[in-house]
Structures are given as structure tokens and as C-alpha cells.
């Protein structure tokens, strides 16, 4: 009889403790709750699978080639900003070796030494710089508004990207014919025009390079990502 009572007390105590763990939620905030105990992955542990595993090309030379229409040149030198930021993200996030990424300075030197650089096709530029792969980014739209007497700016940037094999001219990524569209924007920033341009560039670099590695789910979408939104909403 005594043993039976002890067993009932133990079962009651276990049920009570389990109810606290499940219902109270005190252990869930720091990731040490029942979900973690039974192995359920967090949003950071879950990954959005890469569309193109760029790290598999780590032995090859890669050229980041940004095409910017002349009408936007007076607003910002996106060739510089985007090349710089995409390069940084490829190194830090995708883990590409820095030595395999052709520098912006070498591209500028090549551009200046060519008689009519604008007539060259991307594949010809890549071959001229001895690149194996070209990550080409074409700026489609740039809008930067300065709000009078406030110092605030509002910005939008739309780009399209593809990866090309210089030896064959084949498009390696994405599968879609038109390339991968990248759209970023923000409603206001009080730090001025130059910071606004840098913010658009950094957001674009993230939204592009996230497709090249298994990106943590909680890092995939950022606040300035405007993919799927129509510009007229702005």
C-alpha cells in the first residue's frame, strides 16, 4: 500500500513538473525549452537552401561586373558600391576566398586601358581579366529622394543578376531566363544621401548573396528587402 502511494505521488509530481515546462513557457525564451530538449531546430538553425552553391567554384577566378546605365551615374557610383559590398558578402557569408575575386581596381584599370569599353560584351570583359565566372549585376532602377528641409532621404534600388561561365558563355544561375531580380528600399533615413546609397547597396548585396549559401532562416529576409512589391506602392 505504501509503495503504491509513493508511486502515485511520483507520477503526480512528474505530471506537475511537465505541465510547468509546457504551459509556463519559462524555458522557451532562451532556446532551452522542450523544443530544444527534443531537438526541434530554431529559426537560426533552420536554413534556406542555396539556389546555387557558389562555394563549389572556390578554385575559380570570379569577376563581379556591375552594369550601371549612364542616367544614374550622376546620382551614385553604384559600380563601386555594389562591387565592394557584394565582394564583402561573398567573403564573409559565402566563405569565398578573397584571392579568387578579381578586384574592382583591376576592373577599372582594364576599363581605362580599353579603347571603347562600352562595346565589349560581359563575356569579353571576363575573358580579358582571365575570369572563369562572371557574377553580373545590372542596375535597372535607382530612385533617391531628398525630403526638403528635413535631411531625410528615401531610396529604391532594383537590380538583376546572373552568373555566367566565361569559357562557354553558358548561364549557370538562375534558371529563369531574365535573371534574378533584386529589389530593396527604405522609406526614410535621416543620415543623408551618401549613407542612403550605401544602405541600398548593402541591402542589395545581402539579397543577392543569400542565394549562394544555406542561409539561416532568420537572416534570409531583411527589413529593406522589397522583393515582390510594386514600386508604385512607394
C-alpha atoms as a PDB file:
ATOM      1  CA  UNK A   1       0.000   0.000   0.000  1.00  0.00           C
ATOM      2  CA  UNK A   2       2.811   2.401   0.950  1.00  0.00           C
ATOM      3  CA  UNK A   3       4.675   1.604  -2.273  1.00  0.00           C
ATOM      4  CA  UNK A   4       1.533   2.283  -4.266  1.00  0.00           C
ATOM      5  CA  UNK A   5       1.069   5.679  -2.585  1.00  0.00           C
ATOM      6  CA  UNK A   6       4.690   6.637  -3.284  1.00  0.00           C
ATOM      7  CA  UNK A   7       4.242   5.695  -6.934  1.00  0.00           C
ATOM      8  CA  UNK A   8       1.118   7.851  -7.196  1.00  0.00           C
ATOM      9  CA  UNK A   9       2.909  10.798  -5.572  1.00  0.00           C
ATOM     10  CA  UNK A  10       5.832  10.426  -8.003  1.00  0.00           C
ATOM     11  CA  UNK A  11       3.526  10.291 -11.012  1.00  0.00           C
ATOM     12  CA  UNK A  12       1.629  13.349  -9.772  1.00  0.00           C
ATOM     13  CA  UNK A  13       4.860  15.285  -9.219  1.00  0.00           C
ATOM     14  CA  UNK A  14       6.123  14.351 -12.700  1.00  0.00           C
ATOM     15  CA  UNK A  15       2.832  15.463 -14.288  1.00  0.00           C
ATOM     16  CA  UNK A  16       3.012  18.743 -12.353  1.00  0.00           C
ATOM     17  CA  UNK A  17       6.563  19.479 -13.496  1.00  0.00           C
ATOM     18  CA  UNK A  18       5.722  18.605 -17.102  1.00  0.00           C
ATOM     19  CA  UNK A  19       2.744  20.971 -17.014  1.00  0.00           C
ATOM     20  CA  UNK A  20       5.019  23.813 -15.844  1.00  0.00           C
ATOM     21  CA  UNK A  21       7.540  23.149 -18.611  1.00  0.00           C
ATOM     22  CA  UNK A  22       4.954  23.004 -21.372  1.00  0.00           C
ATOM     23  CA  UNK A  23       2.438  25.566 -20.169  1.00  0.00           C
ATOM     24  CA  UNK A  24       4.590  28.076 -18.307  1.00  0.00           C
ATOM     25  CA  UNK A  25       6.942  28.846 -21.181  1.00  0.00           C
ATOM     26  CA  UNK A  26       9.742  29.947 -18.848  1.00  0.00           C
ATOM     27  CA  UNK A  27      12.287  27.811 -20.663  1.00  0.00           C
ATOM     28  CA  UNK A  28      11.393  28.781 -24.209  1.00  0.00           C
ATOM     29  CA  UNK A  29      12.852  32.283 -24.327  1.00  0.00           C
ATOM     30  CA  UNK A  30      16.495  31.200 -24.283  1.00  0.00           C
ATOM     31  CA  UNK A  31      16.108  28.208 -26.574  1.00  0.00           C
ATOM     32  CA  UNK A  32      16.366  25.672 -23.736  1.00  0.00           C
ATOM     33  CA  UNK A  33      12.742  24.574 -23.642  1.00  0.00           C
ATOM     34  CA  UNK A  34      11.068  21.344 -24.597  1.00  0.00           C
ATOM     35  CA  UNK A  35      11.568  22.162 -28.285  1.00  0.00           C
ATOM     36  CA  UNK A  36      15.338  22.279 -27.804  1.00  0.00           C
ATOM     37  CA  UNK A  37      15.320  19.292 -25.481  1.00  0.00           C
ATOM     38  CA  UNK A  38      13.698  17.107 -28.122  1.00  0.00           C
ATOM     39  CA  UNK A  39      15.840  18.504 -30.948  1.00  0.00           C
ATOM     40  CA  UNK A  40      13.456  20.899 -32.730  1.00  0.00           C
ATOM     41  CA  UNK A  41      15.653  23.380 -34.685  1.00  0.00           C
ATOM     42  CA  UNK A  42      15.318  27.123 -34.096  1.00  0.00           C
ATOM     43  CA  UNK A  43      14.786  29.632 -36.929  1.00  0.00           C
ATOM     44  CA  UNK A  44      18.530  30.319 -36.899  1.00  0.00           C
ATOM     45  CA  UNK A  45      19.340  26.624 -37.105  1.00  0.00           C
ATOM     46  CA  UNK A  46      16.902  26.133 -39.978  1.00  0.00           C
ATOM     47  CA  UNK A  47      18.431  27.008 -43.352  1.00  0.00           C
ATOM     48  CA  UNK A  48      17.023  28.278 -46.615  1.00  0.00           C
ATOM     49  CA  UNK A  49      18.794  26.010 -49.151  1.00  0.00           C
ATOM     50  CA  UNK A  50      21.160  27.707 -51.591  1.00  0.00           C
ATOM     51  CA  UNK A  51      19.896  28.096 -55.135  1.00  0.00           C
ATOM     52  CA  UNK A  52      23.474  27.917 -56.372  1.00  0.00           C
ATOM     53  CA  UNK A  53      26.348  26.578 -54.253  1.00  0.00           C
ATOM     54  CA  UNK A  54      28.944  29.149 -55.234  1.00  0.00           C
ATOM     55  CA  UNK A  55      31.489  27.737 -52.795  1.00  0.00           C
ATOM     56  CA  UNK A  56      31.844  24.786 -55.169  1.00  0.00           C
ATOM     57  CA  UNK A  57      33.550  27.242 -57.538  1.00  0.00           C
ATOM     58  CA  UNK A  58      36.081  28.417 -54.938  1.00  0.00           C
ATOM     59  CA  UNK A  59      39.034  27.313 -57.069  1.00  0.00           C
ATOM     60  CA  UNK A  60      37.970  29.570 -59.938  1.00  0.00           C
ATOM     61  CA  UNK A  61      38.509  33.282 -60.573  1.00  0.00           C
ATOM     62  CA  UNK A  62      35.328  35.303 -60.262  1.00  0.00           C
ATOM     63  CA  UNK A  63      34.592  38.737 -61.695  1.00  0.00           C
ATOM     64  CA  UNK A  64      31.858  40.890 -60.157  1.00  0.00           C
ATOM     65  CA  UNK A  65      30.664  43.018 -63.049  1.00  0.00           C
ATOM     66  CA  UNK A  66      28.140  45.779 -62.316  1.00  0.00           C
ATOM     67  CA  UNK A  67      26.460  47.454 -65.265  1.00  0.00           C
ATOM     68  CA  UNK A  68      25.059  50.899 -64.477  1.00  0.00           C
ATOM     69  CA  UNK A  69      23.080  52.965 -67.021  1.00  0.00           C
ATOM     70  CA  UNK A  70      24.554  56.386 -67.702  1.00  0.00           C
ATOM     71  CA  UNK A  71      21.395  58.127 -66.480  1.00  0.00           C
ATOM     72  CA  UNK A  72      22.134  57.015 -62.917  1.00  0.00           C
ATOM     73  CA  UNK A  73      25.818  57.976 -62.882  1.00  0.00           C
ATOM     74  CA  UNK A  74      25.039  61.479 -61.647  1.00  0.00           C
ATOM     75  CA  UNK A  75      23.174  60.058 -58.646  1.00  0.00           C
ATOM     76  CA  UNK A  76      25.653  57.472 -57.372  1.00  0.00           C
ATOM     77  CA  UNK A  77      28.581  55.325 -58.488  1.00  0.00           C
ATOM     78  CA  UNK A  78      26.811  52.028 -57.943  1.00  0.00           C
ATOM     79  CA  UNK A  79      29.559  50.183 -59.816  1.00  0.00           C
ATOM     80  CA  UNK A  80      31.835  50.886 -56.887  1.00  0.00           C
ATOM     81  CA  UNK A  81      29.352  50.440 -54.036  1.00  0.00           C
ATOM     82  CA  UNK A  82      27.783  47.215 -55.297  1.00  0.00           C
ATOM     83  CA  UNK A  83      31.112  45.620 -56.285  1.00  0.00           C
ATOM     84  CA  UNK A  84      32.564  46.456 -52.868  1.00  0.00           C
ATOM     85  CA  UNK A  85      29.596  45.160 -50.872  1.00  0.00           C
ATOM     86  CA  UNK A  86      28.965  42.025 -52.936  1.00  0.00           C
ATOM     87  CA  UNK A  87      32.650  41.132 -52.619  1.00  0.00           C
ATOM     88  CA  UNK A  88      32.491  41.607 -48.835  1.00  0.00           C
ATOM     89  CA  UNK A  89      29.381  39.425 -48.512  1.00  0.00           C
ATOM     90  CA  UNK A  90      30.872  36.710 -50.699  1.00  0.00           C
ATOM     91  CA  UNK A  91      33.903  36.555 -48.430  1.00  0.00           C
ATOM     92  CA  UNK A  92      32.126  36.803 -45.068  1.00  0.00           C
ATOM     93  CA  UNK A  93      28.885  34.921 -45.714  1.00  0.00           C
ATOM     94  CA  UNK A  94      29.544  32.568 -48.618  1.00  0.00           C
ATOM     95  CA  UNK A  95      33.152  31.938 -47.465  1.00  0.00           C
ATOM     96  CA  UNK A  96      34.653  32.546 -50.879  1.00  0.00           C
ATOM     97  CA  UNK A  97      38.453  33.040 -50.868  1.00  0.00           C
ATOM     98  CA  UNK A  98      39.320  36.715 -51.354  1.00  0.00           C
ATOM     99  CA  UNK A  99      42.176  35.847 -53.704  1.00  0.00           C
ATOM    100  CA  UNK A 100      39.772  34.365 -56.228  1.00  0.00           C
ATOM    101  CA  UNK A 101      37.659  37.537 -56.505  1.00  0.00           C
ATOM    102  CA  UNK A 102      39.019  39.955 -59.113  1.00  0.00           C
ATOM    103  CA  UNK A 103      39.369  43.373 -57.518  1.00  0.00           C
ATOM    104  CA  UNK A 104      37.421  46.458 -58.529  1.00  0.00           C
ATOM    105  CA  UNK A 105      40.716  48.251 -59.106  1.00  0.00           C
ATOM    106  CA  UNK A 106      41.788  45.704 -61.730  1.00  0.00           C
ATOM    107  CA  UNK A 107      38.448  46.086 -63.473  1.00  0.00           C
ATOM    108  CA  UNK A 108      38.778  49.889 -63.513  1.00  0.00           C
ATOM    109  CA  UNK A 109      42.335  49.604 -64.875  1.00  0.00           C
ATOM    110  CA  UNK A 110      41.135  47.267 -67.606  1.00  0.00           C
ATOM    111  CA  UNK A 111      38.230  49.603 -68.436  1.00  0.00           C
ATOM    112  CA  UNK A 112      40.557  52.600 -68.712  1.00  0.00           C
ATOM    113  CA  UNK A 113      43.027  50.761 -70.946  1.00  0.00           C
ATOM    114  CA  UNK A 114      40.385  49.645 -73.429  1.00  0.00           C
ATOM    115  CA  UNK A 115      39.684  51.984 -76.318  1.00  0.00           C
ATOM    116  CA  UNK A 116      35.918  51.537 -76.219  1.00  0.00           C
ATOM    117  CA  UNK A 117      34.998  49.510 -73.169  1.00  0.00           C
ATOM    118  CA  UNK A 118      31.266  50.061 -73.697  1.00  0.00           C
ATOM    119  CA  UNK A 119      31.361  47.957 -76.865  1.00  0.00           C
ATOM    120  CA  UNK A 120      32.704  44.897 -75.056  1.00  0.00           C
ATOM    121  CA  UNK A 121      30.323  42.134 -74.084  1.00  0.00           C
ATOM    122  CA  UNK A 122      30.441  40.853 -70.474  1.00  0.00           C
ATOM    123  CA  UNK A 123      31.997  37.573 -71.622  1.00  0.00           C
ATOM    124  CA  UNK A 124      34.757  39.506 -73.428  1.00  0.00           C
ATOM    125  CA  UNK A 125      35.464  41.552 -70.296  1.00  0.00           C
ATOM    126  CA  UNK A 126      35.613  38.380 -68.212  1.00  0.00           C
ATOM    127  CA  UNK A 127      38.000  36.701 -70.603  1.00  0.00           C
ATOM    128  CA  UNK A 128      40.142  39.823 -70.776  1.00  0.00           C
ATOM    129  CA  UNK A 129      40.563  39.688 -66.995  1.00  0.00           C
ATOM    130  CA  UNK A 130      41.117  35.909 -67.049  1.00  0.00           C
ATOM    131  CA  UNK A 131      37.952  35.237 -65.050  1.00  0.00           C
ATOM    132  CA  UNK A 132      36.348  31.796 -65.077  1.00  0.00           C
ATOM    133  CA  UNK A 133      32.984  33.042 -63.849  1.00  0.00           C
ATOM    134  CA  UNK A 134      31.166  36.372 -64.054  1.00  0.00           C
ATOM    135  CA  UNK A 135      28.676  37.459 -61.437  1.00  0.00           C
ATOM    136  CA  UNK A 136      26.912  40.128 -63.448  1.00  0.00           C
ATOM    137  CA  UNK A 137      24.615  42.670 -61.819  1.00  0.00           C
ATOM    138  CA  UNK A 138      22.621  45.077 -63.959  1.00  0.00           C
ATOM    139  CA  UNK A 139      21.121  48.159 -62.307  1.00  0.00           C
ATOM    140  CA  UNK A 140      17.588  48.613 -63.595  1.00  0.00           C
ATOM    141  CA  UNK A 141      16.246  51.436 -61.457  1.00  0.00           C
ATOM    142  CA  UNK A 142      17.537  53.845 -58.835  1.00  0.00           C
ATOM    143  CA  UNK A 143      15.405  56.387 -57.040  1.00  0.00           C
ATOM    144  CA  UNK A 144      16.737  58.598 -54.288  1.00  0.00           C
ATOM    145  CA  UNK A 145      14.546  61.355 -52.911  1.00  0.00           C
ATOM    146  CA  UNK A 146      15.688  64.067 -50.554  1.00  0.00           C
ATOM    147  CA  UNK A 147      12.935  65.428 -48.343  1.00  0.00           C
ATOM    148  CA  UNK A 148      13.143  69.209 -48.283  1.00  0.00           C
ATOM    149  CA  UNK A 149      14.324  70.853 -45.061  1.00  0.00           C
ATOM    150  CA  UNK A 150      14.455  67.559 -43.172  1.00  0.00           C
ATOM    151  CA  UNK A 151      17.723  65.938 -44.234  1.00  0.00           C
ATOM    152  CA  UNK A 152      15.806  62.687 -44.710  1.00  0.00           C
ATOM    153  CA  UNK A 153      16.193  60.571 -47.850  1.00  0.00           C
ATOM    154  CA  UNK A 154      14.006  57.837 -49.337  1.00  0.00           C
ATOM    155  CA  UNK A 155      15.614  55.224 -51.568  1.00  0.00           C
ATOM    156  CA  UNK A 156      14.807  52.434 -54.003  1.00  0.00           C
ATOM    157  CA  UNK A 157      17.148  50.197 -55.981  1.00  0.00           C
ATOM    158  CA  UNK A 158      16.295  47.475 -58.479  1.00  0.00           C
ATOM    159  CA  UNK A 159      18.891  45.121 -59.980  1.00  0.00           C
ATOM    160  CA  UNK A 160      19.007  41.898 -61.963  1.00  0.00           C
ATOM    161  CA  UNK A 161      21.763  39.302 -61.611  1.00  0.00           C
ATOM    162  CA  UNK A 162      23.117  36.265 -63.446  1.00  0.00           C
ATOM    163  CA  UNK A 163      26.187  34.033 -63.195  1.00  0.00           C
ATOM    164  CA  UNK A 164      27.973  33.254 -66.479  1.00  0.00           C
ATOM    165  CA  UNK A 165      30.671  30.785 -67.454  1.00  0.00           C
ATOM    166  CA  UNK A 166      33.268  32.701 -69.482  1.00  0.00           C
ATOM    167  CA  UNK A 167      34.565  29.656 -71.347  1.00  0.00           C
ATOM    168  CA  UNK A 168      31.187  28.633 -72.778  1.00  0.00           C
ATOM    169  CA  UNK A 169      29.028  31.730 -72.307  1.00  0.00           C
ATOM    170  CA  UNK A 170      26.516  29.489 -70.502  1.00  0.00           C
ATOM    171  CA  UNK A 171      24.296  30.953 -67.802  1.00  0.00           C
ATOM    172  CA  UNK A 172      24.909  28.980 -64.621  1.00  0.00           C
ATOM    173  CA  UNK A 173      22.321  30.751 -62.451  1.00  0.00           C
ATOM    174  CA  UNK A 174      19.420  31.387 -62.120  1.00  0.00           C
ATOM    175  CA  UNK A 175      17.117  29.068 -64.031  1.00  0.00           C
ATOM    176  CA  UNK A 176      14.824  31.891 -65.112  1.00  0.00           C
ATOM    177  CA  UNK A 177      15.564  33.447 -68.486  1.00  0.00           C
ATOM    178  CA  UNK A 178      15.507  37.043 -67.231  1.00  0.00           C
ATOM    179  CA  UNK A 179      17.859  36.571 -64.279  1.00  0.00           C
ATOM    180  CA  UNK A 180      17.309  37.037 -60.554  1.00  0.00           C
ATOM    181  CA  UNK A 181      15.537  40.257 -59.633  1.00  0.00           C
ATOM    182  CA  UNK A 182      16.702  42.092 -56.514  1.00  0.00           C
ATOM    183  CA  UNK A 183      14.658  44.981 -55.095  1.00  0.00           C
ATOM    184  CA  UNK A 184      15.468  46.942 -51.954  1.00  0.00           C
ATOM    185  CA  UNK A 185      14.273  50.210 -50.486  1.00  0.00           C
ATOM    186  CA  UNK A 186      13.581  52.255 -47.383  1.00  0.00           C
ATOM    187  CA  UNK A 187      11.028  54.938 -46.566  1.00  0.00           C
ATOM    188  CA  UNK A 188      13.373  57.356 -44.844  1.00  0.00           C
ATOM    189  CA  UNK A 189      16.865  57.667 -43.446  1.00  0.00           C
ATOM    190  CA  UNK A 190      17.992  60.739 -41.561  1.00  0.00           C
ATOM    191  CA  UNK A 191      21.709  60.244 -42.277  1.00  0.00           C
ATOM    192  CA  UNK A 192      21.708  61.804 -45.739  1.00  0.00           C
ATOM    193  CA  UNK A 193      22.206  60.892 -49.369  1.00  0.00           C
ATOM    194  CA  UNK A 194      25.577  59.133 -49.222  1.00  0.00           C
ATOM    195  CA  UNK A 195      24.523  56.868 -46.370  1.00  0.00           C
ATOM    196  CA  UNK A 196      21.280  56.181 -48.228  1.00  0.00           C
ATOM    197  CA  UNK A 197      23.185  54.938 -51.278  1.00  0.00           C
ATOM    198  CA  UNK A 198      25.444  52.769 -49.110  1.00  0.00           C
ATOM    199  CA  UNK A 199      22.370  51.331 -47.367  1.00  0.00           C
ATOM    200  CA  UNK A 200      20.748  50.385 -50.677  1.00  0.00           C
ATOM    201  CA  UNK A 201      23.977  48.797 -51.867  1.00  0.00           C
ATOM    202  CA  UNK A 202      24.494  46.733 -48.708  1.00  0.00           C
ATOM    203  CA  UNK A 203      20.880  45.540 -48.755  1.00  0.00           C
ATOM    204  CA  UNK A 204      21.217  44.524 -52.422  1.00  0.00           C
ATOM    205  CA  UNK A 205      24.442  42.634 -51.679  1.00  0.00           C
ATOM    206  CA  UNK A 206      22.710  40.669 -48.941  1.00  0.00           C
ATOM    207  CA  UNK A 207      19.602  39.938 -51.004  1.00  0.00           C
ATOM    208  CA  UNK A 208      21.795  38.637 -53.834  1.00  0.00           C
ATOM    209  CA  UNK A 209      24.405  36.587 -51.986  1.00  0.00           C
ATOM    210  CA  UNK A 210      21.852  34.861 -49.715  1.00  0.00           C
ATOM    211  CA  UNK A 211      21.067  32.601 -52.682  1.00  0.00           C
ATOM    212  CA  UNK A 212      24.630  31.282 -52.789  1.00  0.00           C
ATOM    213  CA  UNK A 213      24.780  29.510 -49.411  1.00  0.00           C
ATOM    214  CA  UNK A 214      22.459  27.828 -46.931  1.00  0.00           C
ATOM    215  CA  UNK A 215      21.275  30.997 -45.250  1.00  0.00           C
ATOM    216  CA  UNK A 216      19.795  30.874 -41.715  1.00  0.00           C
ATOM    217  CA  UNK A 217      16.037  31.386 -41.966  1.00  0.00           C
ATOM    218  CA  UNK A 218      16.038  34.305 -39.528  1.00  0.00           C
ATOM    219  CA  UNK A 219      18.691  36.117 -41.604  1.00  0.00           C
ATOM    220  CA  UNK A 220      17.256  35.491 -45.070  1.00  0.00           C
ATOM    221  CA  UNK A 221      14.689  38.302 -45.119  1.00  0.00           C
ATOM    222  CA  UNK A 222      15.832  41.793 -44.084  1.00  0.00           C
ATOM    223  CA  UNK A 223      13.855  44.978 -43.428  1.00  0.00           C
ATOM    224  CA  UNK A 224      14.954  46.708 -46.659  1.00  0.00           C
ATOM    225  CA  UNK A 225      14.047  43.743 -48.890  1.00  0.00           C
ATOM    226  CA  UNK A 226      11.271  44.820 -51.254  1.00  0.00           C
ATOM    227  CA  UNK A 227      11.124  41.712 -53.428  1.00  0.00           C
ATOM    228  CA  UNK A 228       7.666  41.163 -54.830  1.00  0.00           C
ATOM    229  CA  UNK A 229       6.464  44.665 -54.037  1.00  0.00           C
ATOM    230  CA  UNK A 230       5.458  47.026 -56.819  1.00  0.00           C
ATOM    231  CA  UNK A 231       7.307  50.357 -56.934  1.00  0.00           C
ATOM    232  CA  UNK A 232       4.021  52.222 -57.181  1.00  0.00           C
ATOM    233  CA  UNK A 233       3.352  51.211 -53.563  1.00  0.00           C
ATOM    234  CA  UNK A 234       6.128  53.610 -52.708  1.00  0.00           C
END
